[in-house]
Amino acid sequence: QPGDLVVLYTDGVVERRGELIDDGLRRLREHCARWDDDELETLVEELTNAAADDDNVALALRWHPPGGPLDG
């Protein structure tokens, strides 16, 4: 849908030692659900800065249809 947020990430963004993976996935979903800004670079920085001592890469995309707020 217009405005949908898609986030691709490596396991280091959601995994923590001694924590269930489901907890990390929930934390990611909750953080992204609150994100209503188009400054996706900031979102990616927040996700990767909070990541554990593991590989942590994230890519965030928000879909805007042609003629939408970012067109032109």
PDB file of N, CA and C in Angstrom:
ATOM      1  N   GLN A   1       0.836  -1.178   0.000  1.00  0.00           N
ATOM      2  CA  GLN A   1       0.000   0.000   0.000  1.00  0.00           C
ATOM      3  C   GLN A   1       0.886   1.248   0.000  1.00  0.00           C
ATOM      4  N   PRO A   2       0.413   2.356  -0.539  1.00  0.00           N
ATOM      5  CA  PRO A   2       1.191   3.588  -0.460  1.00  0.00           C
ATOM      6  C   PRO A   2       1.572   3.897   0.987  1.00  0.00           C
ATOM      7  N   GLY A   3       2.829   4.244   1.177  1.00  0.00           N
ATOM      8  CA  GLY A   3       3.331   4.558   2.504  1.00  0.00           C
ATOM      9  C   GLY A   3       3.861   3.365   3.278  1.00  0.00           C
ATOM     10  N   ASP A   4       3.693   2.145   2.725  1.00  0.00           N
ATOM     11  CA  ASP A   4       4.201   0.961   3.421  1.00  0.00           C
ATOM     12  C   ASP A   4       5.713   1.044   3.578  1.00  0.00           C
ATOM     13  N   LEU A   5       6.196   0.520   4.683  1.00  0.00           N
ATOM     14  CA  LEU A   5       7.620   0.484   4.996  1.00  0.00           C
ATOM     15  C   LEU A   5       8.122  -0.939   4.855  1.00  0.00           C
ATOM     16  N   VAL A   6       9.218  -1.106   4.109  1.00  0.00           N
ATOM     17  CA  VAL A   6       9.861  -2.407   3.951  1.00  0.00           C
ATOM     18  C   VAL A   6      11.259  -2.281   4.540  1.00  0.00           C
ATOM     19  N   VAL A   7      11.619  -3.200   5.434  1.00  0.00           N
ATOM     20  CA  VAL A   7      12.943  -3.181   6.049  1.00  0.00           C
ATOM     21  C   VAL A   7      13.598  -4.539   5.825  1.00  0.00           C
ATOM     22  N   LEU A   8      14.766  -4.510   5.210  1.00  0.00           N
ATOM     23  CA  LEU A   8      15.590  -5.704   5.043  1.00  0.00           C
ATOM     24  C   LEU A   8      16.748  -5.570   6.023  1.00  0.00           C
ATOM     25  N   TYR A   9      17.137  -6.680   6.656  1.00  0.00           N
ATOM     26  CA  TYR A   9      18.140  -6.584   7.709  1.00  0.00           C
ATOM     27  C   TYR A   9      18.870  -7.917   7.861  1.00  0.00           C
ATOM     28  N   THR A  10      20.062  -7.849   8.412  1.00  0.00           N
ATOM     29  CA  THR A  10      20.806  -9.061   8.742  1.00  0.00           C
ATOM     30  C   THR A  10      20.459  -9.483  10.167  1.00  0.00           C
ATOM     31  N   ASP A  11      20.847 -10.689  10.503  1.00  0.00           N
ATOM     32  CA  ASP A  11      20.484 -11.246  11.808  1.00  0.00           C
ATOM     33  C   ASP A  11      21.024 -10.448  12.987  1.00  0.00           C
ATOM     34  N   GLY A  12      22.116  -9.735  12.791  1.00  0.00           N
ATOM     35  CA  GLY A  12      22.689  -8.960  13.882  1.00  0.00           C
ATOM     36  C   GLY A  12      21.796  -7.828  14.359  1.00  0.00           C
ATOM     37  N   VAL A  13      20.847  -7.411  13.546  1.00  0.00           N
ATOM     38  CA  VAL A  13      19.931  -6.339  13.938  1.00  0.00           C
ATOM     39  C   VAL A  13      18.911  -6.846  14.955  1.00  0.00           C
ATOM     40  N   VAL A  14      18.559  -8.113  14.894  1.00  0.00           N
ATOM     41  CA  VAL A  14      17.496  -8.632  15.761  1.00  0.00           C
ATOM     42  C   VAL A  14      17.968  -9.643  16.811  1.00  0.00           C
ATOM     43  N   GLU A  15      19.140 -10.220  16.642  1.00  0.00           N
ATOM     44  CA  GLU A  15      19.600 -11.237  17.594  1.00  0.00           C
ATOM     45  C   GLU A  15      20.396 -10.618  18.738  1.00  0.00           C
ATOM     46  N   ARG A  16      20.167 -11.126  19.927  1.00  0.00           N
ATOM     47  CA  ARG A  16      20.919 -10.756  21.129  1.00  0.00           C
ATOM     48  C   ARG A  16      21.264 -12.038  21.874  1.00  0.00           C
ATOM     49  N   ARG A  17      22.442 -12.095  22.439  1.00  0.00           N
ATOM     50  CA  ARG A  17      22.820 -13.273  23.233  1.00  0.00           C
ATOM     51  C   ARG A  17      21.889 -13.407  24.418  1.00  0.00           C
ATOM     52  N   GLY A  18      21.431 -14.628  24.663  1.00  0.00           N
ATOM     53  CA  GLY A  18      20.570 -14.897  25.806  1.00  0.00           C
ATOM     54  C   GLY A  18      19.134 -14.454  25.614  1.00  0.00           C
ATOM     55  N   GLU A  19      18.763 -14.080  24.403  1.00  0.00           N
ATOM     56  CA  GLU A  19      17.409 -13.608  24.139  1.00  0.00           C
ATOM     57  C   GLU A  19      16.803 -14.431  23.000  1.00  0.00           C
ATOM     58  N   LEU A  20      15.534 -14.705  23.077  1.00  0.00           N
ATOM     59  CA  LEU A  20      14.853 -15.411  22.005  1.00  0.00           C
ATOM     60  C   LEU A  20      14.783 -14.526  20.766  1.00  0.00           C
ATOM     61  N   ILE A  21      14.920 -15.130  19.589  1.00  0.00           N
ATOM     62  CA  ILE A  21      14.848 -14.378  18.336  1.00  0.00           C
ATOM     63  C   ILE A  21      13.495 -13.672  18.207  1.00  0.00           C
ATOM     64  N   ASP A  22      12.457 -14.287  18.725  1.00  0.00           N
ATOM     65  CA  ASP A  22      11.124 -13.674  18.666  1.00  0.00           C
ATOM     66  C   ASP A  22      11.094 -12.324  19.382  1.00  0.00           C
ATOM     67  N   ASP A  23      11.878 -12.188  20.461  1.00  0.00           N
ATOM     68  CA  ASP A  23      11.943 -10.915  21.175  1.00  0.00           C
ATOM     69  C   ASP A  23      12.579  -9.838  20.294  1.00  0.00           C
ATOM     70  N   GLY A  24      13.630 -10.197  19.590  1.00  0.00           N
ATOM     71  CA  GLY A  24      14.283  -9.251  18.690  1.00  0.00           C
ATOM     72  C   GLY A  24      13.399  -8.863  17.520  1.00  0.00           C
ATOM     73  N   LEU A  25      12.674  -9.821  16.979  1.00  0.00           N
ATOM     74  CA  LEU A  25      11.760  -9.528  15.873  1.00  0.00           C
ATOM     75  C   LEU A  25      10.620  -8.623  16.334  1.00  0.00           C
ATOM     76  N   ARG A  26      10.110  -8.873  17.531  1.00  0.00           N
ATOM     77  CA  ARG A  26       9.049  -8.027  18.085  1.00  0.00           C
ATOM     78  C   ARG A  26       9.556  -6.598  18.285  1.00  0.00           C
ATOM     79  N   ARG A  27      10.769  -6.477  18.819  1.00  0.00           N
ATOM     80  CA  ARG A  27      11.361  -5.159  19.043  1.00  0.00           C
ATOM     81  C   ARG A  27      11.494  -4.406  17.708  1.00  0.00           C
ATOM     82  N   LEU A  28      11.934  -5.092  16.674  1.00  0.00           N
ATOM     83  CA  LEU A  28      12.075  -4.482  15.351  1.00  0.00           C
ATOM     84  C   LEU A  28      10.716  -4.042  14.798  1.00  0.00           C
ATOM     85  N   ARG A  29       9.716  -4.927  14.879  1.00  0.00           N
ATOM     86  CA  ARG A  29       8.373  -4.587  14.386  1.00  0.00           C
ATOM     87  C   ARG A  29       7.799  -3.377  15.116  1.00  0.00           C
ATOM     88  N   GLU A  30       7.948  -3.341  16.425  1.00  0.00           N
ATOM     89  CA  GLU A  30       7.406  -2.234  17.211  1.00  0.00           C
ATOM     90  C   GLU A  30       8.104  -0.916  16.862  1.00  0.00           C
ATOM     91  N   HIS A  31       9.420  -0.974  16.713  1.00  0.00           N
ATOM     92  CA  HIS A  31      10.171   0.236  16.374  1.00  0.00           C
ATOM     93  C   HIS A  31       9.739   0.755  15.002  1.00  0.00           C
ATOM     94  N   CYS A  32       9.628  -0.138  14.034  1.00  0.00           N
ATOM     95  CA  CYS A  32       9.255   0.265  12.675  1.00  0.00           C
ATOM     96  C   CYS A  32       7.797   0.715  12.599  1.00  0.00           C
ATOM     97  N   ALA A  33       6.921   0.126  13.384  1.00  0.00           N
ATOM     98  CA  ALA A  33       5.509   0.500  13.373  1.00  0.00           C
ATOM     99  C   ALA A  33       5.311   1.932  13.858  1.00  0.00           C
ATOM    100  N   ARG A  34       6.184   2.399  14.726  1.00  0.00           N
ATOM    101  CA  ARG A  34       6.095   3.771  15.237  1.00  0.00           C
ATOM    102  C   ARG A  34       6.727   4.783  14.280  1.00  0.00           C
ATOM    103  N   TRP A  35       7.449   4.292  13.267  1.00  0.00           N
ATOM    104  CA  TRP A  35       8.200   5.184  12.383  1.00  0.00           C
ATOM    105  C   TRP A  35       7.267   5.796  11.353  1.00  0.00           C
ATOM    106  N   ASP A  36       7.021   7.098  11.443  1.00  0.00           N
ATOM    107  CA  ASP A  36       6.139   7.762  10.490  1.00  0.00           C
ATOM    108  C   ASP A  36       6.864   8.839   9.693  1.00  0.00           C
ATOM    109  N   ASP A  37       8.153   8.839   9.772  1.00  0.00           N
ATOM    110  CA  ASP A  37       8.988   9.833   9.123  1.00  0.00           C
ATOM    111  C   ASP A  37       9.551   9.257   7.826  1.00  0.00           C
ATOM    112  N   ASP A  38       9.779  10.094   6.838  1.00  0.00           N
ATOM    113  CA  ASP A  38      10.412   9.635   5.606  1.00  0.00           C
ATOM    114  C   ASP A  38      11.935   9.710   5.688  1.00  0.00           C
ATOM    115  N   GLU A  39      12.479  10.097   6.820  1.00  0.00           N
ATOM    116  CA  GLU A  39      13.929  10.116   7.012  1.00  0.00           C
ATOM    117  C   GLU A  39      14.393   8.689   7.338  1.00  0.00           C
ATOM    118  N   LEU A  40      14.411   7.851   6.327  1.00  0.00           N
ATOM    119  CA  LEU A  40      14.723   6.438   6.553  1.00  0.00           C
ATOM    120  C   LEU A  40      16.180   6.213   6.901  1.00  0.00           C
ATOM    121  N   GLU A  41      17.052   7.136   6.530  1.00  0.00           N
ATOM    122  CA  GLU A  41      18.458   7.009   6.916  1.00  0.00           C
ATOM    123  C   GLU A  41      18.585   7.001   8.438  1.00  0.00           C
ATOM    124  N   THR A  42      17.789   7.813   9.110  1.00  0.00           N
ATOM    125  CA  THR A  42      17.800   7.854  10.567  1.00  0.00           C
ATOM    126  C   THR A  42      17.297   6.539  11.145  1.00  0.00           C
ATOM    127  N   LEU A  43      16.247   5.977  10.559  1.00  0.00           N
ATOM    128  CA  LEU A  43      15.740   4.680  11.009  1.00  0.00           C
ATOM    129  C   LEU A  43      16.821   3.620  10.898  1.00  0.00           C
ATOM    130  N   VAL A  44      17.493   3.556   9.754  1.00  0.00           N
ATOM    131  CA  VAL A  44      18.551   2.564   9.547  1.00  0.00           C
ATOM    132  C   VAL A  44      19.675   2.761  10.557  1.00  0.00           C
ATOM    133  N   GLU A  45      20.047   4.007  10.813  1.00  0.00           N
ATOM    134  CA  GLU A  45      21.096   4.279  11.810  1.00  0.00           C
ATOM    135  C   GLU A  45      20.670   3.797  13.194  1.00  0.00           C
ATOM    136  N   GLU A  46      19.427   4.052  13.572  1.00  0.00           N
ATOM    137  CA  GLU A  46      18.942   3.601  14.879  1.00  0.00           C
ATOM    138  C   GLU A  46      18.970   2.077  14.979  1.00  0.00           C
ATOM    139  N   LEU A  47      18.532   1.406  13.925  1.00  0.00           N
ATOM    140  CA  LEU A  47      18.493  -0.062  13.952  1.00  0.00           C
ATOM    141  C   LEU A  47      19.890  -0.657  14.026  1.00  0.00           C
ATOM    142  N   THR A  48      20.827  -0.122  13.265  1.00  0.00           N
ATOM    143  CA  THR A  48      22.166  -0.704  13.244  1.00  0.00           C
ATOM    144  C   THR A  48      22.997  -0.272  14.446  1.00  0.00           C
ATOM    145  N   ASN A  49      22.778   0.921  14.982  1.00  0.00           N
ATOM    146  CA  ASN A  49      23.523   1.364  16.165  1.00  0.00           C
ATOM    147  C   ASN A  49      23.117   0.584  17.402  1.00  0.00           C
ATOM    148  N   ALA A  50      21.877   0.134  17.453  1.00  0.00           N
ATOM    149  CA  ALA A  50      21.391  -0.621  18.608  1.00  0.00           C
ATOM    150  C   ALA A  50      21.718  -2.107  18.488  1.00  0.00           C
ATOM    151  N   ALA A  51      22.287  -2.508  17.372  1.00  0.00           N
ATOM    152  CA  ALA A  51      22.547  -3.927  17.115  1.00  0.00           C
ATOM    153  C   ALA A  51      23.699  -4.450  17.972  1.00  0.00           C
ATOM    154  N   ALA A  52      23.700  -5.751  18.115  1.00  0.00           N
ATOM    155  CA  ALA A  52      24.717  -6.442  18.910  1.00  0.00           C
ATOM    156  C   ALA A  52      26.065  -6.418  18.190  1.00  0.00           C
ATOM    157  N   ASP A  53      27.043  -7.061  18.806  1.00  0.00           N
ATOM    158  CA  ASP A  53      28.378  -7.159  18.215  1.00  0.00           C
ATOM    159  C   ASP A  53      28.399  -8.239  17.141  1.00  0.00           C
ATOM    160  N   ASP A  54      27.590  -8.058  16.147  1.00  0.00           N
ATOM    161  CA  ASP A  54      27.465  -9.004  15.044  1.00  0.00           C
ATOM    162  C   ASP A  54      27.299  -8.160  13.786  1.00  0.00           C
ATOM    163  N   ASP A  55      27.303  -8.833  12.651  1.00  0.00           N
ATOM    164  CA  ASP A  55      27.033  -8.083  11.429  1.00  0.00           C
ATOM    165  C   ASP A  55      25.675  -7.412  11.564  1.00  0.00           C
ATOM    166  N   ASN A  56      25.580  -6.174  11.167  1.00  0.00           N
ATOM    167  CA  ASN A  56      24.300  -5.484  11.253  1.00  0.00           C
ATOM    168  C   ASN A  56      24.161  -4.512  10.102  1.00  0.00           C
ATOM    169  N   VAL A  57      23.339  -4.908   9.184  1.00  0.00           N
ATOM    170  CA  VAL A  57      23.064  -4.100   8.006  1.00  0.00           C
ATOM    171  C   VAL A  57      21.550  -4.012   7.865  1.00  0.00           C
ATOM    172  N   ALA A  58      21.065  -2.835   7.525  1.00  0.00           N
ATOM    173  CA  ALA A  58      19.628  -2.660   7.314  1.00  0.00           C
ATOM    174  C   ALA A  58      19.415  -1.757   6.105  1.00  0.00           C
ATOM    175  N   LEU A  59      18.336  -2.024   5.415  1.00  0.00           N
ATOM    176  CA  LEU A  59      17.906  -1.217   4.274  1.00  0.00           C
ATOM    177  C   LEU A  59      16.423  -0.959   4.463  1.00  0.00           C
ATOM    178  N   ALA A  60      16.016   0.296   4.408  1.00  0.00           N
ATOM    179  CA  ALA A  60      14.606   0.645   4.603  1.00  0.00           C
ATOM    180  C   ALA A  60      14.091   1.371   3.371  1.00  0.00           C
ATOM    181  N   LEU A  61      12.896   0.991   2.949  1.00  0.00           N
ATOM    182  CA  LEU A  61      12.248   1.593   1.782  1.00  0.00           C
ATOM    183  C   LEU A  61      10.812   1.920   2.135  1.00  0.00           C
ATOM    184  N   ARG A  62      10.345   3.060   1.684  1.00  0.00           N
ATOM    185  CA  ARG A  62       8.933   3.405   1.845  1.00  0.00           C
ATOM    186  C   ARG A  62       8.405   3.670   0.441  1.00  0.00           C
ATOM    187  N   TRP A  63       7.290   3.007   0.107  1.00  0.00           N
ATOM    188  CA  TRP A  63       6.733   3.122  -1.229  1.00  0.00           C
ATOM    189  C   TRP A  63       5.786   4.310  -1.322  1.00  0.00           C
ATOM    190  N   HIS A  64       6.060   5.143  -2.308  1.00  0.00           N
ATOM    191  CA  HIS A  64       5.174   6.258  -2.632  1.00  0.00           C
ATOM    192  C   HIS A  64       4.773   6.112  -4.094  1.00  0.00           C
ATOM    193  N   PRO A  65       3.495   6.117  -4.410  1.00  0.00           N
ATOM    194  CA  PRO A  65       3.059   5.984  -5.798  1.00  0.00           C
ATOM    195  C   PRO A  65       3.432   7.216  -6.620  1.00  0.00           C
ATOM    196  N   PRO A  66       3.519   7.065  -7.932  1.00  0.00           N
ATOM    197  CA  PRO A  66       3.776   8.238  -8.778  1.00  0.00           C
ATOM    198  C   PRO A  66       2.743   9.325  -8.490  1.00  0.00           C
ATOM    199  N   GLY A  67       3.211  10.550  -8.448  1.00  0.00           N
ATOM    200  CA  GLY A  67       2.317  11.667  -8.141  1.00  0.00           C
ATOM    201  C   GLY A  67       2.145  11.878  -6.647  1.00  0.00           C
ATOM    202  N   GLY A  68       2.853  11.043  -5.838  1.00  0.00           N
ATOM    203  CA  GLY A  68       2.772  11.156  -4.385  1.00  0.00           C
ATOM    204  C   GLY A  68       3.630  12.292  -3.859  1.00  0.00           C
ATOM    205  N   PRO A  69       3.834  12.359  -2.546  1.00  0.00           N
ATOM    206  CA  PRO A  69       4.510  13.495  -1.923  1.00  0.00           C
ATOM    207  C   PRO A  69       5.969  13.665  -2.331  1.00  0.00           C
ATOM    208  N   LEU A  70       6.626  12.624  -2.801  1.00  0.00           N
ATOM    209  CA  LEU A  70       8.032  12.730  -3.157  1.00  0.00           C
ATOM    210  C   LEU A  70       8.254  12.815  -4.662  1.00  0.00           C
ATOM    211  N   ASP A  71       7.207  12.841  -5.446  1.00  0.00           N
ATOM    212  CA  ASP A  71       7.314  12.868  -6.897  1.00  0.00           C
ATOM    213  C   ASP A  71       7.464  14.309  -7.370  1.00  0.00           C
ATOM    214  N   GLY A  72       8.500  14.550  -8.158  1.00  0.00           N
ATOM    215  CA  GLY A  72       8.638  15.872  -8.750  1.00  0.00           C
ATOM    216  C   GLY A  72       9.625  16.675  -8.046  1.00  0.00           C
TER     217      GLY A  72
END
